Amino acid sequence: MRKSYSGEFKAKVVLEILKEEKTISQIASEYGIHPNQLLKWKKEAIRSLAEVLEDG
């Protein structure tokens, strides 16, 4: 069974990644999530950031 995470949780984790106070591995271990999943969330967040900040 796959785990499902809320957008709010993903945002919290991605912000922690972007702060660069801990390594991806440390954060992954802390939350029990595979590092590749965290990298995927980070890429998705950065990609959609331009849409959020778009005028109009």
N, C-alpha and C. Protein backbone atom coordinates (compact mmCIF):
# COMPACT_ATOMS: atom_id res chain seq x y z
N MET A 1 0.84 -1.19 0.00
CA MET A 1 0.00 0.00 0.00
C MET A 1 0.88 1.25 0.00
N ARG A 2 0.56 2.19 -0.86
CA ARG A 2 1.33 3.43 -0.95
C ARG A 2 0.85 4.43 0.09
N LYS A 3 1.80 5.18 0.61
CA LYS A 3 1.46 6.25 1.55
C LYS A 3 1.03 7.47 0.75
N SER A 4 0.13 8.22 1.33
CA SER A 4 -0.34 9.45 0.70
C SER A 4 -0.02 10.61 1.63
N TYR A 5 0.55 11.66 1.07
CA TYR A 5 0.94 12.81 1.87
C TYR A 5 0.18 14.05 1.39
N SER A 6 -0.21 14.89 2.32
CA SER A 6 -0.94 16.10 1.97
C SER A 6 0.01 17.11 1.32
N GLY A 7 -0.56 18.02 0.58
CA GLY A 7 0.23 19.09 -0.03
C GLY A 7 0.92 19.93 1.02
N GLU A 8 0.24 20.13 2.14
CA GLU A 8 0.81 20.92 3.23
C GLU A 8 2.06 20.25 3.79
N PHE A 9 2.00 18.93 3.96
CA PHE A 9 3.16 18.18 4.46
C PHE A 9 4.31 18.25 3.46
N LYS A 10 3.99 18.03 2.18
CA LYS A 10 5.03 18.08 1.14
C LYS A 10 5.70 19.45 1.12
N ALA A 11 4.89 20.51 1.22
CA ALA A 11 5.43 21.87 1.22
C ALA A 11 6.37 22.08 2.40
N LYS A 12 5.97 21.58 3.56
CA LYS A 12 6.81 21.71 4.77
C LYS A 12 8.16 21.04 4.55
N VAL A 13 8.14 19.84 3.99
CA VAL A 13 9.38 19.08 3.77
C VAL A 13 10.24 19.76 2.71
N VAL A 14 9.62 20.22 1.62
CA VAL A 14 10.36 20.89 0.55
C VAL A 14 11.01 22.17 1.08
N LEU A 15 10.30 22.93 1.89
CA LEU A 15 10.90 24.13 2.47
C LEU A 15 12.10 23.79 3.34
N GLU A 16 12.00 22.69 4.05
CA GLU A 16 13.14 22.23 4.85
C GLU A 16 14.33 21.87 3.96
N ILE A 17 14.05 21.23 2.82
CA ILE A 17 15.10 20.89 1.86
C ILE A 17 15.76 22.16 1.33
N LEU A 18 14.94 23.15 0.97
CA LEU A 18 15.46 24.38 0.38
C LEU A 18 16.28 25.21 1.37
N LYS A 19 16.04 25.05 2.64
CA LYS A 19 16.83 25.77 3.65
C LYS A 19 18.28 25.29 3.67
N GLU A 20 18.50 24.04 3.23
CA GLU A 20 19.83 23.43 3.16
C GLU A 20 20.55 23.39 4.50
N GLU A 21 19.79 23.24 5.58
CA GLU A 21 20.40 23.09 6.90
C GLU A 21 20.73 21.63 7.18
N LYS A 22 20.04 20.72 6.46
CA LYS A 22 20.26 19.29 6.59
C LYS A 22 20.39 18.71 5.19
N THR A 23 21.01 17.55 5.10
CA THR A 23 21.12 16.88 3.81
C THR A 23 19.78 16.21 3.48
N ILE A 24 19.61 15.90 2.19
CA ILE A 24 18.42 15.18 1.75
C ILE A 24 18.32 13.86 2.53
N SER A 25 19.44 13.18 2.70
CA SER A 25 19.45 11.91 3.42
C SER A 25 18.98 12.06 4.86
N GLN A 26 19.41 13.12 5.51
CA GLN A 26 18.99 13.36 6.89
C GLN A 26 17.49 13.61 6.97
N ILE A 27 16.98 14.41 6.07
CA ILE A 27 15.55 14.72 6.05
C ILE A 27 14.75 13.46 5.72
N ALA A 28 15.21 12.70 4.76
CA ALA A 28 14.54 11.45 4.37
C ALA A 28 14.47 10.50 5.56
N SER A 29 15.56 10.38 6.28
CA SER A 29 15.60 9.50 7.44
C SER A 29 14.66 10.00 8.54
N GLU A 30 14.64 11.29 8.74
CA GLU A 30 13.80 11.90 9.77
C GLU A 30 12.31 11.64 9.52
N TYR A 31 11.89 11.71 8.25
CA TYR A 31 10.48 11.55 7.91
C TYR A 31 10.13 10.15 7.41
N GLY A 32 11.12 9.30 7.23
CA GLY A 32 10.87 7.94 6.76
C GLY A 32 10.41 7.91 5.31
N ILE A 33 10.96 8.80 4.50
CA ILE A 33 10.60 8.89 3.08
C ILE A 33 11.89 8.71 2.26
N HIS A 34 11.80 7.99 1.16
CA HIS A 34 12.97 7.73 0.32
C HIS A 34 13.52 9.05 -0.23
N PRO A 35 14.84 9.22 -0.24
CA PRO A 35 15.44 10.46 -0.76
C PRO A 35 15.01 10.79 -2.20
N ASN A 36 14.83 9.78 -3.05
CA ASN A 36 14.40 10.05 -4.42
C ASN A 36 13.02 10.69 -4.46
N GLN A 37 12.14 10.31 -3.53
CA GLN A 37 10.81 10.91 -3.46
C GLN A 37 10.92 12.38 -3.07
N LEU A 38 11.81 12.68 -2.14
CA LEU A 38 11.99 14.07 -1.72
C LEU A 38 12.53 14.91 -2.88
N LEU A 39 13.45 14.37 -3.64
CA LEU A 39 13.99 15.09 -4.79
C LEU A 39 12.90 15.34 -5.83
N LYS A 40 12.00 14.38 -6.00
CA LYS A 40 10.89 14.54 -6.93
C LYS A 40 9.98 15.67 -6.47
N TRP A 41 9.64 15.70 -5.18
CA TRP A 41 8.80 16.77 -4.64
C TRP A 41 9.47 18.13 -4.82
N LYS A 42 10.78 18.18 -4.59
CA LYS A 42 11.52 19.45 -4.74
C LYS A 42 11.44 19.93 -6.19
N LYS A 43 11.67 19.03 -7.16
CA LYS A 43 11.60 19.41 -8.58
C LYS A 43 10.21 19.90 -8.94
N GLU A 44 9.18 19.21 -8.48
CA GLU A 44 7.80 19.60 -8.76
C GLU A 44 7.50 20.98 -8.18
N ALA A 45 7.96 21.23 -6.98
CA ALA A 45 7.71 22.52 -6.33
C ALA A 45 8.39 23.65 -7.07
N ILE A 46 9.62 23.44 -7.48
CA ILE A 46 10.36 24.48 -8.19
C ILE A 46 9.73 24.74 -9.56
N ARG A 47 9.31 23.66 -10.24
CA ARG A 47 8.70 23.79 -11.55
C ARG A 47 7.38 24.57 -11.47
N SER A 48 6.58 24.32 -10.43
CA SER A 48 5.28 24.98 -10.34
C SER A 48 5.37 26.36 -9.72
N LEU A 49 6.52 26.72 -9.20
CA LEU A 49 6.69 28.03 -8.57
C LEU A 49 6.45 29.16 -9.56
N ALA A 50 6.92 29.00 -10.79
CA ALA A 50 6.73 30.04 -11.80
C ALA A 50 5.25 30.27 -12.06
N GLU A 51 4.47 29.21 -12.07
CA GLU A 51 3.02 29.35 -12.29
C GLU A 51 2.36 30.12 -11.16
N VAL A 52 2.79 29.86 -9.95
CA VAL A 52 2.22 30.53 -8.79
C VAL A 52 2.52 32.02 -8.82
N LEU A 53 3.70 32.36 -9.27
CA LEU A 53 4.13 33.77 -9.27
C LEU A 53 3.78 34.53 -10.54
N GLU A 54 3.16 33.86 -11.48
CA GLU A 54 2.78 34.49 -12.75
C GLU A 54 1.79 35.62 -12.52
N ASP A 55 1.94 36.73 -13.23
CA ASP A 55 1.01 37.85 -13.15
C ASP A 55 -0.34 37.45 -13.73
N GLY A 56 -1.41 37.99 -13.14
CA GLY A 56 -2.75 37.73 -13.67
C GLY A 56 -3.40 36.66 -12.91
